[in-house]
């Protein structure tokens, strides 16, 4: 940016096209700064969320690990990971499923 006396002189004696170019240039700079600020805020929010997650894990990690490594929990997780095998469907269940499907359409 020019110093104040030079800038005032430029405002007084600059052509309309030159002043319009200054406006466009300043608005472009402002838009670029806004974009940089948004990127910086996004980065800050992501880093803060990661820090909060690590703090939570430091506080609750041992409890969570004890829960996850219990044999009952492992058995339950293995059961949930196995795909369920389809069995015979009762007529009432089929009708209910079909009715729900038709009502949702």
N, C-alpha and C. Protein backbone atom coordinates (compact mmCIF):
# COMPACT_ATOMS: atom_id res chain seq x y z
N UNK A 1 0.86 -1.18 0.00
CA UNK A 1 0.00 0.00 0.00
C UNK A 1 0.89 1.23 0.00
N UNK A 2 0.45 2.22 -0.67
CA UNK A 2 1.21 3.48 -0.75
C UNK A 2 1.10 4.22 0.57
N UNK A 3 2.07 5.15 0.80
CA UNK A 3 1.92 5.97 2.01
C UNK A 3 0.77 6.94 1.81
N UNK A 4 0.26 7.49 2.89
CA UNK A 4 -0.99 8.27 2.86
C UNK A 4 -0.98 9.45 1.89
N UNK A 5 0.04 10.33 1.86
CA UNK A 5 0.00 11.45 0.91
C UNK A 5 -0.02 10.99 -0.55
N UNK A 6 0.78 9.99 -0.86
CA UNK A 6 0.81 9.48 -2.24
C UNK A 6 -0.53 8.85 -2.61
N UNK A 7 -1.13 8.15 -1.66
CA UNK A 7 -2.40 7.48 -1.93
C UNK A 7 -3.51 8.51 -2.15
N UNK A 8 -3.52 9.56 -1.33
CA UNK A 8 -4.52 10.61 -1.52
C UNK A 8 -4.35 11.30 -2.87
N UNK A 9 -3.11 11.54 -3.24
CA UNK A 9 -2.85 12.15 -4.55
C UNK A 9 -3.31 11.22 -5.67
N UNK A 10 -3.07 9.94 -5.50
CA UNK A 10 -3.51 8.96 -6.49
C UNK A 10 -5.04 8.96 -6.61
N UNK A 11 -5.73 9.07 -5.45
CA UNK A 11 -7.19 9.12 -5.46
C UNK A 11 -7.70 10.37 -6.18
N UNK A 12 -7.02 11.48 -5.94
CA UNK A 12 -7.47 12.74 -6.53
C UNK A 12 -7.20 12.81 -8.03
N UNK A 13 -6.07 12.30 -8.46
CA UNK A 13 -5.66 12.51 -9.85
C UNK A 13 -5.68 11.23 -10.71
N UNK A 14 -5.98 10.09 -10.13
CA UNK A 14 -6.01 8.86 -10.92
C UNK A 14 -7.23 8.80 -11.82
N UNK A 15 -7.08 8.13 -12.92
CA UNK A 15 -8.22 8.00 -13.84
C UNK A 15 -9.24 7.02 -13.25
N UNK A 16 -10.44 7.06 -13.80
CA UNK A 16 -11.50 6.18 -13.32
C UNK A 16 -11.09 4.72 -13.52
N UNK A 17 -10.50 4.40 -14.64
CA UNK A 17 -10.07 3.03 -14.91
C UNK A 17 -9.02 2.59 -13.90
N UNK A 18 -8.06 3.49 -13.61
CA UNK A 18 -7.02 3.15 -12.64
C UNK A 18 -7.61 2.91 -11.26
N UNK A 19 -8.58 3.75 -10.85
CA UNK A 19 -9.20 3.58 -9.54
C UNK A 19 -10.05 2.29 -9.50
N UNK A 20 -10.73 1.99 -10.60
CA UNK A 20 -11.49 0.74 -10.66
C UNK A 20 -10.56 -0.47 -10.56
N UNK A 21 -9.39 -0.37 -11.16
CA UNK A 21 -8.41 -1.45 -11.06
C UNK A 21 -7.92 -1.62 -9.63
N UNK A 22 -7.77 -0.51 -8.91
CA UNK A 22 -7.37 -0.58 -7.50
C UNK A 22 -8.44 -1.30 -6.69
N UNK A 23 -9.70 -0.96 -6.95
CA UNK A 23 -10.80 -1.62 -6.24
C UNK A 23 -10.77 -3.12 -6.49
N UNK A 24 -10.65 -3.50 -7.75
CA UNK A 24 -10.61 -4.93 -8.10
C UNK A 24 -9.43 -5.61 -7.44
N UNK A 25 -8.27 -4.95 -7.46
CA UNK A 25 -7.06 -5.51 -6.85
C UNK A 25 -7.24 -5.70 -5.34
N UNK A 26 -7.80 -4.68 -4.67
CA UNK A 26 -7.99 -4.77 -3.20
C UNK A 26 -9.01 -5.83 -2.84
N UNK A 27 -10.09 -5.92 -3.63
CA UNK A 27 -11.09 -6.95 -3.35
C UNK A 27 -10.52 -8.35 -3.58
N UNK A 28 -9.67 -8.49 -4.59
CA UNK A 28 -9.00 -9.78 -4.83
C UNK A 28 -8.10 -10.15 -3.66
N UNK A 29 -7.32 -9.15 -3.18
CA UNK A 29 -6.47 -9.40 -2.02
C UNK A 29 -7.30 -9.79 -0.79
N UNK A 30 -8.41 -9.09 -0.58
CA UNK A 30 -9.28 -9.38 0.56
C UNK A 30 -9.84 -10.81 0.45
N UNK A 31 -10.24 -11.21 -0.73
CA UNK A 31 -10.76 -12.57 -0.93
C UNK A 31 -9.69 -13.61 -0.66
N UNK A 32 -8.47 -13.34 -1.10
CA UNK A 32 -7.37 -14.27 -0.84
C UNK A 32 -7.08 -14.39 0.65
N UNK A 33 -7.10 -13.25 1.36
CA UNK A 33 -6.86 -13.28 2.81
C UNK A 33 -7.95 -14.06 3.52
N UNK A 34 -9.21 -13.86 3.06
CA UNK A 34 -10.34 -14.58 3.65
C UNK A 34 -10.14 -16.09 3.47
N UNK A 35 -9.73 -16.49 2.28
CA UNK A 35 -9.50 -17.91 2.00
C UNK A 35 -8.40 -18.46 2.91
N UNK A 36 -7.33 -17.70 3.08
CA UNK A 36 -6.24 -18.12 3.97
C UNK A 36 -6.72 -18.27 5.41
N UNK A 37 -7.55 -17.33 5.85
CA UNK A 37 -8.09 -17.40 7.22
C UNK A 37 -8.97 -18.64 7.40
N UNK A 38 -9.80 -18.94 6.42
CA UNK A 38 -10.67 -20.11 6.51
C UNK A 38 -9.83 -21.38 6.58
N UNK A 39 -8.80 -21.47 5.74
CA UNK A 39 -7.92 -22.63 5.77
C UNK A 39 -7.22 -22.74 7.12
N UNK A 40 -6.79 -21.62 7.67
CA UNK A 40 -6.13 -21.62 8.98
C UNK A 40 -7.09 -22.06 10.08
N UNK A 41 -8.33 -21.57 10.03
CA UNK A 41 -9.31 -21.95 11.04
C UNK A 41 -9.67 -23.44 10.93
N UNK A 42 -9.78 -23.94 9.71
CA UNK A 42 -10.05 -25.37 9.51
C UNK A 42 -8.92 -26.22 10.09
N UNK A 43 -7.70 -25.82 9.83
CA UNK A 43 -6.54 -26.53 10.35
C UNK A 43 -6.53 -26.48 11.88
N UNK A 44 -6.81 -25.31 12.45
CA UNK A 44 -6.85 -25.16 13.90
C UNK A 44 -7.92 -26.08 14.50
N UNK A 45 -9.11 -26.11 13.90
CA UNK A 45 -10.20 -26.93 14.42
C UNK A 45 -9.83 -28.42 14.37
N UNK A 46 -9.20 -28.84 13.29
CA UNK A 46 -8.80 -30.24 13.16
C UNK A 46 -7.76 -30.61 14.21
N UNK A 47 -6.75 -29.76 14.40
CA UNK A 47 -5.71 -30.03 15.40
C UNK A 47 -6.30 -30.04 16.82
N UNK A 48 -7.23 -29.13 17.08
CA UNK A 48 -7.86 -29.08 18.40
C UNK A 48 -8.68 -30.33 18.67
N UNK A 49 -9.41 -30.80 17.66
CA UNK A 49 -10.21 -32.02 17.80
C UNK A 49 -9.31 -33.23 18.06
N UNK A 50 -8.19 -33.30 17.36
CA UNK A 50 -7.25 -34.39 17.58
C UNK A 50 -6.70 -34.36 19.00
N UNK A 51 -6.37 -33.16 19.47
CA UNK A 51 -5.85 -33.02 20.83
C UNK A 51 -6.90 -33.44 21.86
N UNK A 52 -8.15 -33.06 21.66
CA UNK A 52 -9.21 -33.46 22.58
C UNK A 52 -9.41 -34.96 22.59
N UNK A 53 -9.33 -35.58 21.41
CA UNK A 53 -9.46 -37.03 21.33
C UNK A 53 -8.34 -37.73 22.10
N UNK A 54 -7.12 -37.25 21.93
CA UNK A 54 -5.99 -37.84 22.64
C UNK A 54 -6.15 -37.63 24.15
N UNK A 55 -6.59 -36.45 24.57
CA UNK A 55 -6.83 -36.22 26.00
C UNK A 55 -7.88 -37.18 26.54
N UNK A 56 -8.96 -37.38 25.77
CA UNK A 56 -10.00 -38.30 26.20
C UNK A 56 -9.44 -39.71 26.31
N UNK A 57 -8.62 -40.11 25.32
CA UNK A 57 -8.05 -41.46 25.34
C UNK A 57 -7.08 -41.62 26.51
N UNK A 58 -6.32 -40.58 26.83
CA UNK A 58 -5.43 -40.66 27.99
C UNK A 58 -6.22 -40.89 29.27
N UNK A 59 -7.39 -40.28 29.34
CA UNK A 59 -8.21 -40.41 30.54
C UNK A 59 -8.96 -41.74 30.58
N UNK A 60 -9.49 -42.19 29.45
CA UNK A 60 -10.36 -43.36 29.42
C UNK A 60 -9.75 -44.57 28.72
N UNK A 61 -8.56 -44.44 28.17
CA UNK A 61 -7.96 -45.53 27.40
C UNK A 61 -7.80 -46.82 28.17
N UNK A 62 -7.23 -46.78 29.38
CA UNK A 62 -7.08 -48.05 30.12
C UNK A 62 -8.42 -48.74 30.39
N UNK A 63 -9.41 -47.96 30.75
CA UNK A 63 -10.75 -48.52 30.99
C UNK A 63 -11.32 -49.13 29.71
N UNK A 64 -11.15 -48.44 28.60
CA UNK A 64 -11.65 -48.92 27.32
C UNK A 64 -10.92 -50.20 26.91
N UNK A 65 -9.62 -50.23 27.06
CA UNK A 65 -8.84 -51.42 26.70
C UNK A 65 -9.23 -52.61 27.57
N UNK A 66 -9.46 -52.37 28.86
CA UNK A 66 -9.88 -53.47 29.74
C UNK A 66 -11.23 -54.02 29.30
N UNK A 67 -12.13 -53.15 28.89
CA UNK A 67 -13.45 -53.58 28.44
C UNK A 67 -13.35 -54.37 27.13
N UNK A 68 -12.55 -53.88 26.20
CA UNK A 68 -12.44 -54.50 24.89
C UNK A 68 -11.73 -55.84 24.96
N UNK A 69 -10.80 -56.00 25.85
CA UNK A 69 -10.01 -57.24 25.91
C UNK A 69 -10.64 -58.31 26.80
N UNK A 70 -11.79 -58.04 27.40
CA UNK A 70 -12.49 -59.09 28.16
C UNK A 70 -12.95 -60.18 27.20
N UNK A 71 -12.91 -61.41 27.64
CA UNK A 71 -13.26 -62.53 26.75
C UNK A 71 -14.71 -62.45 26.29
N UNK A 72 -15.63 -61.99 27.18
CA UNK A 72 -17.03 -61.89 26.78
C UNK A 72 -17.19 -60.87 25.65
N UNK A 73 -16.45 -59.76 25.74
CA UNK A 73 -16.54 -58.72 24.72
C UNK A 73 -15.99 -59.22 23.40
N UNK A 74 -14.87 -59.94 23.45
CA UNK A 74 -14.28 -60.47 22.22
C UNK A 74 -15.24 -61.44 21.55
N UNK A 75 -15.86 -62.31 22.33
CA UNK A 75 -16.82 -63.25 21.77
C UNK A 75 -17.99 -62.51 21.12
N UNK A 76 -18.49 -61.48 21.78
CA UNK A 76 -19.60 -60.70 21.23
C UNK A 76 -19.18 -59.99 19.95
N UNK A 77 -17.99 -59.42 19.91
CA UNK A 77 -17.50 -58.75 18.71
C UNK A 77 -17.35 -59.73 17.55
N UNK A 78 -16.86 -60.93 17.85
CA UNK A 78 -16.72 -61.95 16.81
C UNK A 78 -18.09 -62.35 16.28
N UNK A 79 -19.07 -62.47 17.18
CA UNK A 79 -20.42 -62.83 16.75
C UNK A 79 -21.00 -61.75 15.84
N UNK A 80 -20.78 -60.48 16.21
CA UNK A 80 -21.30 -59.38 15.41
C UNK A 80 -20.60 -59.26 14.06
N UNK A 81 -19.34 -59.69 14.00
CA UNK A 81 -18.58 -59.58 12.75
C UNK A 81 -18.99 -60.65 11.74
N UNK A 82 -19.53 -61.75 12.22
CA UNK A 82 -19.95 -62.82 11.31
C UNK A 82 -21.26 -62.44 10.65
N UNK A 83 -21.34 -62.62 9.34
CA UNK A 83 -22.60 -62.29 8.67
C UNK A 83 -23.69 -63.28 9.09
N UNK A 84 -24.87 -62.75 9.25
CA UNK A 84 -25.99 -63.61 9.61
C UNK A 84 -26.42 -64.40 8.39
N UNK A 85 -26.72 -65.67 8.63
CA UNK A 85 -27.18 -66.53 7.54
C UNK A 85 -28.70 -66.40 7.47
N UNK A 86 -29.20 -66.19 6.27
CA UNK A 86 -30.65 -66.06 6.17
C UNK A 86 -31.32 -67.41 6.46
N UNK A 87 -32.39 -67.34 7.18
CA UNK A 87 -33.14 -68.55 7.49
C UNK A 87 -34.50 -68.48 6.80
N UNK A 88 -35.32 -69.49 7.04
CA UNK A 88 -36.64 -69.45 6.43
C UNK A 88 -37.44 -68.28 6.99
N UNK A 89 -38.21 -67.65 6.12
CA UNK A 89 -39.00 -66.48 6.52
C UNK A 89 -40.46 -66.89 6.67
N UNK A 90 -41.03 -66.47 7.77
CA UNK A 90 -42.45 -66.78 7.98
C UNK A 90 -43.29 -65.89 7.07
N UNK A 91 -44.46 -66.36 6.71
CA UNK A 91 -45.35 -65.63 5.82
C UNK A 91 -45.74 -64.28 6.41
N UNK A 92 -45.99 -64.25 7.72
CA UNK A 92 -46.36 -62.98 8.38
C UNK A 92 -45.22 -61.96 8.29
N UNK A 93 -43.99 -62.44 8.47
CA UNK A 93 -42.83 -61.54 8.38
C UNK A 93 -42.67 -61.01 6.97
N UNK A 94 -42.89 -61.89 5.96
CA UNK A 94 -42.78 -61.46 4.57
C UNK A 94 -43.83 -60.40 4.26
N UNK A 95 -45.06 -60.64 4.69
CA UNK A 95 -46.12 -59.67 4.45
C UNK A 95 -45.82 -58.34 5.12
N UNK A 96 -45.31 -58.37 6.34
CA UNK A 96 -44.97 -57.14 7.06
C UNK A 96 -43.85 -56.39 6.33
N UNK A 97 -42.83 -57.10 5.90
CA UNK A 97 -41.73 -56.47 5.15
C UNK A 97 -42.24 -55.84 3.87
N UNK A 98 -43.09 -56.57 3.16
CA UNK A 98 -43.64 -56.06 1.91
C UNK A 98 -44.51 -54.84 2.16
N UNK A 99 -45.34 -54.89 3.20
CA UNK A 99 -46.20 -53.77 3.56
C UNK A 99 -45.35 -52.53 3.88
N UNK A 100 -44.30 -52.69 4.67
CA UNK A 100 -43.40 -51.57 5.02
C UNK A 100 -42.73 -50.99 3.78
N UNK A 101 -42.33 -51.89 2.88
CA UNK A 101 -41.68 -51.44 1.66
C UNK A 101 -42.63 -50.62 0.80
N UNK A 102 -43.85 -51.08 0.66
CA UNK A 102 -44.83 -50.37 -0.16
C UNK A 102 -45.24 -49.04 0.48
N UNK A 103 -45.33 -49.00 1.79
CA UNK A 103 -45.68 -47.74 2.46
C UNK A 103 -44.58 -46.71 2.39
N UNK A 104 -43.33 -47.17 2.34
CA UNK A 104 -42.20 -46.22 2.29
C UNK A 104 -42.02 -45.63 0.89
N UNK A 105 -42.59 -46.25 -0.13
CA UNK A 105 -42.42 -45.77 -1.50
C UNK A 105 -43.35 -44.62 -1.83
